[in-house]
Amino acid sequence: MKNTSVFTTTIHPELLLWLNDYAKKSSRTRRELLEESIRLYREHVIKQNMKDDFARINAQEQEELAEWGMQDYAEILEAND
């Protein structure tokens, strides 16, 4: 099974210049920087979805989750805003 995939895309020239410059300054490849960026964005989206889901539940459910220690999790999310 293949561990990587190749894809082609276009990118704004200004972003590409910055990416090339930053890759050179940080001694990393563009691929490494793009993978890290996507990974960080994915984490951000997951955290935001969890926060939104928690905000949608009603007060009774929040109390039940708090009993399971989820209140600590909600406070951590709020502190990281």
N, C-alpha and C. Protein backbone atom coordinates (compact mmCIF):
# COMPACT_ATOMS: atom_id res chain seq x y z
N MET A 1 0.84 -1.17 0.00
CA MET A 1 0.00 0.00 0.00
C MET A 1 0.89 1.25 0.00
N LYS A 2 0.51 2.22 -0.78
CA LYS A 2 1.26 3.46 -0.91
C LYS A 2 1.04 4.35 0.32
N ASN A 3 2.11 4.91 0.86
CA ASN A 3 2.01 5.75 2.05
C ASN A 3 1.83 7.23 1.74
N THR A 4 2.05 7.61 0.49
CA THR A 4 1.90 9.01 0.11
C THR A 4 1.10 9.11 -1.17
N SER A 5 0.60 10.30 -1.41
CA SER A 5 -0.13 10.58 -2.65
C SER A 5 0.41 11.87 -3.25
N VAL A 6 0.33 11.96 -4.53
CA VAL A 6 0.76 13.16 -5.24
C VAL A 6 -0.49 13.92 -5.67
N PHE A 7 -0.48 15.23 -5.47
CA PHE A 7 -1.58 16.04 -5.98
C PHE A 7 -1.00 17.33 -6.54
N THR A 8 -1.71 17.90 -7.46
CA THR A 8 -1.28 19.15 -8.09
C THR A 8 -2.30 20.21 -7.77
N THR A 9 -1.81 21.40 -7.46
CA THR A 9 -2.70 22.50 -7.14
C THR A 9 -2.05 23.81 -7.57
N THR A 10 -2.82 24.86 -7.54
CA THR A 10 -2.26 26.18 -7.79
C THR A 10 -2.24 26.93 -6.46
N ILE A 11 -1.31 27.84 -6.35
CA ILE A 11 -1.17 28.62 -5.12
C ILE A 11 -0.82 30.05 -5.52
N HIS A 12 -1.32 30.98 -4.79
CA HIS A 12 -1.06 32.38 -5.09
C HIS A 12 0.45 32.62 -5.07
N PRO A 13 0.97 33.33 -6.06
CA PRO A 13 2.42 33.54 -6.14
C PRO A 13 3.04 34.15 -4.88
N GLU A 14 2.29 35.04 -4.23
CA GLU A 14 2.80 35.66 -3.00
C GLU A 14 2.99 34.61 -1.89
N LEU A 15 2.04 33.70 -1.77
CA LEU A 15 2.16 32.63 -0.78
C LEU A 15 3.31 31.69 -1.12
N LEU A 16 3.45 31.40 -2.40
CA LEU A 16 4.53 30.52 -2.82
C LEU A 16 5.89 31.15 -2.54
N LEU A 17 6.03 32.43 -2.77
CA LEU A 17 7.30 33.12 -2.45
C LEU A 17 7.60 33.03 -0.96
N TRP A 18 6.55 33.27 -0.15
CA TRP A 18 6.75 33.19 1.30
C TRP A 18 7.13 31.77 1.70
N LEU A 19 6.43 30.78 1.14
CA LEU A 19 6.70 29.38 1.46
C LEU A 19 8.13 29.01 1.10
N ASN A 20 8.57 29.39 -0.07
CA ASN A 20 9.94 29.11 -0.49
C ASN A 20 10.95 29.76 0.43
N ASP A 21 10.70 31.02 0.77
CA ASP A 21 11.62 31.76 1.65
C ASP A 21 11.66 31.14 3.03
N TYR A 22 10.49 30.82 3.58
CA TYR A 22 10.45 30.24 4.93
C TYR A 22 11.08 28.84 4.95
N ALA A 23 10.84 28.08 3.92
CA ALA A 23 11.44 26.74 3.85
C ALA A 23 12.96 26.84 3.86
N LYS A 24 13.47 27.78 3.11
CA LYS A 24 14.92 27.97 3.05
C LYS A 24 15.47 28.41 4.41
N LYS A 25 14.81 29.39 5.01
CA LYS A 25 15.27 29.91 6.31
C LYS A 25 15.20 28.86 7.41
N SER A 26 14.21 28.00 7.34
CA SER A 26 14.03 27.00 8.39
C SER A 26 14.67 25.65 8.06
N SER A 27 15.34 25.58 6.91
CA SER A 27 15.99 24.34 6.47
C SER A 27 15.01 23.17 6.42
N ARG A 28 13.83 23.45 5.91
CA ARG A 28 12.81 22.43 5.77
C ARG A 28 12.31 22.44 4.33
N THR A 29 11.66 21.39 3.93
CA THR A 29 11.10 21.35 2.58
C THR A 29 9.71 21.96 2.56
N ARG A 30 9.29 22.37 1.38
CA ARG A 30 7.93 22.89 1.24
C ARG A 30 6.93 21.82 1.64
N ARG A 31 7.20 20.59 1.27
CA ARG A 31 6.30 19.49 1.62
C ARG A 31 6.13 19.39 3.13
N GLU A 32 7.24 19.47 3.86
CA GLU A 32 7.17 19.39 5.32
C GLU A 32 6.30 20.52 5.89
N LEU A 33 6.51 21.72 5.37
CA LEU A 33 5.75 22.86 5.87
C LEU A 33 4.26 22.75 5.52
N LEU A 34 3.97 22.30 4.32
CA LEU A 34 2.56 22.13 3.94
C LEU A 34 1.89 21.04 4.75
N GLU A 35 2.58 19.93 4.97
CA GLU A 35 2.00 18.86 5.79
C GLU A 35 1.74 19.34 7.21
N GLU A 36 2.70 20.06 7.77
CA GLU A 36 2.52 20.58 9.13
C GLU A 36 1.34 21.56 9.18
N SER A 37 1.23 22.40 8.18
CA SER A 37 0.13 23.36 8.13
C SER A 37 -1.22 22.66 8.07
N ILE A 38 -1.32 21.65 7.23
CA ILE A 38 -2.58 20.91 7.11
C ILE A 38 -2.89 20.18 8.40
N ARG A 39 -1.87 19.58 9.02
CA ARG A 39 -2.06 18.86 10.28
C ARG A 39 -2.57 19.83 11.36
N LEU A 40 -1.95 21.02 11.47
CA LEU A 40 -2.38 22.00 12.47
C LEU A 40 -3.79 22.51 12.19
N TYR A 41 -4.10 22.71 10.93
CA TYR A 41 -5.45 23.16 10.57
C TYR A 41 -6.48 22.09 10.91
N ARG A 42 -6.15 20.84 10.65
CA ARG A 42 -7.05 19.74 10.98
C ARG A 42 -7.31 19.73 12.49
N GLU A 43 -6.28 19.88 13.30
CA GLU A 43 -6.45 19.92 14.76
C GLU A 43 -7.36 21.07 15.16
N HIS A 44 -7.16 22.22 14.53
CA HIS A 44 -7.99 23.40 14.82
C HIS A 44 -9.45 23.11 14.51
N VAL A 45 -9.72 22.53 13.35
CA VAL A 45 -11.09 22.23 12.94
C VAL A 45 -11.73 21.23 13.89
N ILE A 46 -11.00 20.20 14.28
CA ILE A 46 -11.53 19.20 15.21
C ILE A 46 -11.87 19.84 16.54
N LYS A 47 -10.97 20.66 17.08
CA LYS A 47 -11.23 21.34 18.36
C LYS A 47 -12.43 22.26 18.25
N GLN A 48 -12.54 22.99 17.14
CA GLN A 48 -13.66 23.90 16.97
C GLN A 48 -14.97 23.12 16.87
N ASN A 49 -14.97 22.01 16.15
CA ASN A 49 -16.17 21.18 16.05
C ASN A 49 -16.58 20.64 17.41
N MET A 50 -15.62 20.20 18.20
CA MET A 50 -15.93 19.68 19.54
C MET A 50 -16.50 20.79 20.42
N LYS A 51 -15.91 21.98 20.32
CA LYS A 51 -16.39 23.11 21.10
C LYS A 51 -17.82 23.47 20.68
N ASP A 52 -18.08 23.51 19.38
CA ASP A 52 -19.42 23.83 18.89
C ASP A 52 -20.43 22.77 19.34
N ASP A 53 -20.04 21.50 19.26
CA ASP A 53 -20.93 20.42 19.69
C ASP A 53 -21.25 20.55 21.18
N PHE A 54 -20.25 20.86 21.98
CA PHE A 54 -20.46 20.99 23.41
C PHE A 54 -21.40 22.17 23.70
N ALA A 55 -21.25 23.26 22.93
CA ALA A 55 -22.09 24.44 23.15
C ALA A 55 -23.55 24.17 22.76
N ARG A 56 -23.79 23.23 21.86
CA ARG A 56 -25.15 22.94 21.39
C ARG A 56 -25.96 22.08 22.35
N ILE A 57 -25.30 21.34 23.20
CA ILE A 57 -26.05 20.44 24.07
C ILE A 57 -26.76 21.25 25.15
N ASN A 58 -27.84 20.71 25.67
CA ASN A 58 -28.63 21.43 26.66
C ASN A 58 -28.00 21.36 28.05
N ALA A 59 -28.54 22.13 28.97
CA ALA A 59 -27.97 22.24 30.32
C ALA A 59 -27.93 20.90 31.04
N GLN A 60 -28.98 20.10 30.91
CA GLN A 60 -29.01 18.79 31.57
C GLN A 60 -27.86 17.92 31.08
N GLU A 61 -27.67 17.89 29.78
CA GLU A 61 -26.58 17.08 29.22
C GLU A 61 -25.23 17.63 29.66
N GLN A 62 -25.11 18.96 29.76
CA GLN A 62 -23.85 19.55 30.23
C GLN A 62 -23.55 19.11 31.66
N GLU A 63 -24.58 19.05 32.49
CA GLU A 63 -24.39 18.60 33.87
C GLU A 63 -23.92 17.15 33.91
N GLU A 64 -24.54 16.31 33.07
CA GLU A 64 -24.14 14.90 33.03
C GLU A 64 -22.70 14.76 32.55
N LEU A 65 -22.33 15.52 31.53
CA LEU A 65 -20.95 15.46 31.04
C LEU A 65 -19.97 15.98 32.08
N ALA A 66 -20.38 17.01 32.82
CA ALA A 66 -19.52 17.56 33.85
C ALA A 66 -19.21 16.51 34.91
N GLU A 67 -20.20 15.68 35.19
CA GLU A 67 -19.98 14.60 36.15
C GLU A 67 -18.93 13.62 35.64
N TRP A 68 -18.80 13.51 34.36
CA TRP A 68 -17.81 12.60 33.76
C TRP A 68 -16.47 13.29 33.53
N GLY A 69 -16.36 14.55 33.98
CA GLY A 69 -15.10 15.27 33.82
C GLY A 69 -15.01 16.10 32.56
N MET A 70 -16.11 16.19 31.82
CA MET A 70 -16.07 16.95 30.58
C MET A 70 -16.06 18.45 30.84
N GLN A 71 -16.48 18.88 32.02
CA GLN A 71 -16.43 20.31 32.33
C GLN A 71 -14.99 20.80 32.28
N ASP A 72 -14.07 19.98 32.77
CA ASP A 72 -12.66 20.35 32.68
C ASP A 72 -12.25 20.54 31.24
N TYR A 73 -12.76 19.66 30.38
CA TYR A 73 -12.45 19.76 28.95
C TYR A 73 -13.01 21.05 28.37
N ALA A 74 -14.22 21.41 28.75
CA ALA A 74 -14.84 22.65 28.25
C ALA A 74 -14.04 23.87 28.70
N GLU A 75 -13.58 23.85 29.92
CA GLU A 75 -12.78 24.97 30.43
C GLU A 75 -11.45 25.10 29.70
N ILE A 76 -10.85 23.97 29.37
CA ILE A 76 -9.61 23.97 28.60
C ILE A 76 -9.85 24.59 27.23
N LEU A 77 -10.95 24.20 26.59
CA LEU A 77 -11.28 24.76 25.28
C LEU A 77 -11.48 26.26 25.35
N GLU A 78 -12.21 26.72 26.36
CA GLU A 78 -12.44 28.14 26.52
C GLU A 78 -11.14 28.90 26.79
N ALA A 79 -10.26 28.31 27.56
CA ALA A 79 -8.98 28.96 27.87
C ALA A 79 -8.08 29.07 26.65
N ASN A 80 -8.28 28.19 25.68
CA ASN A 80 -7.44 28.22 24.48
C ASN A 80 -7.99 29.08 23.36
N ASP A 81 -9.08 29.80 23.63
CA ASP A 81 -9.65 30.69 22.59
C ASP A 81 -8.78 31.90 22.39
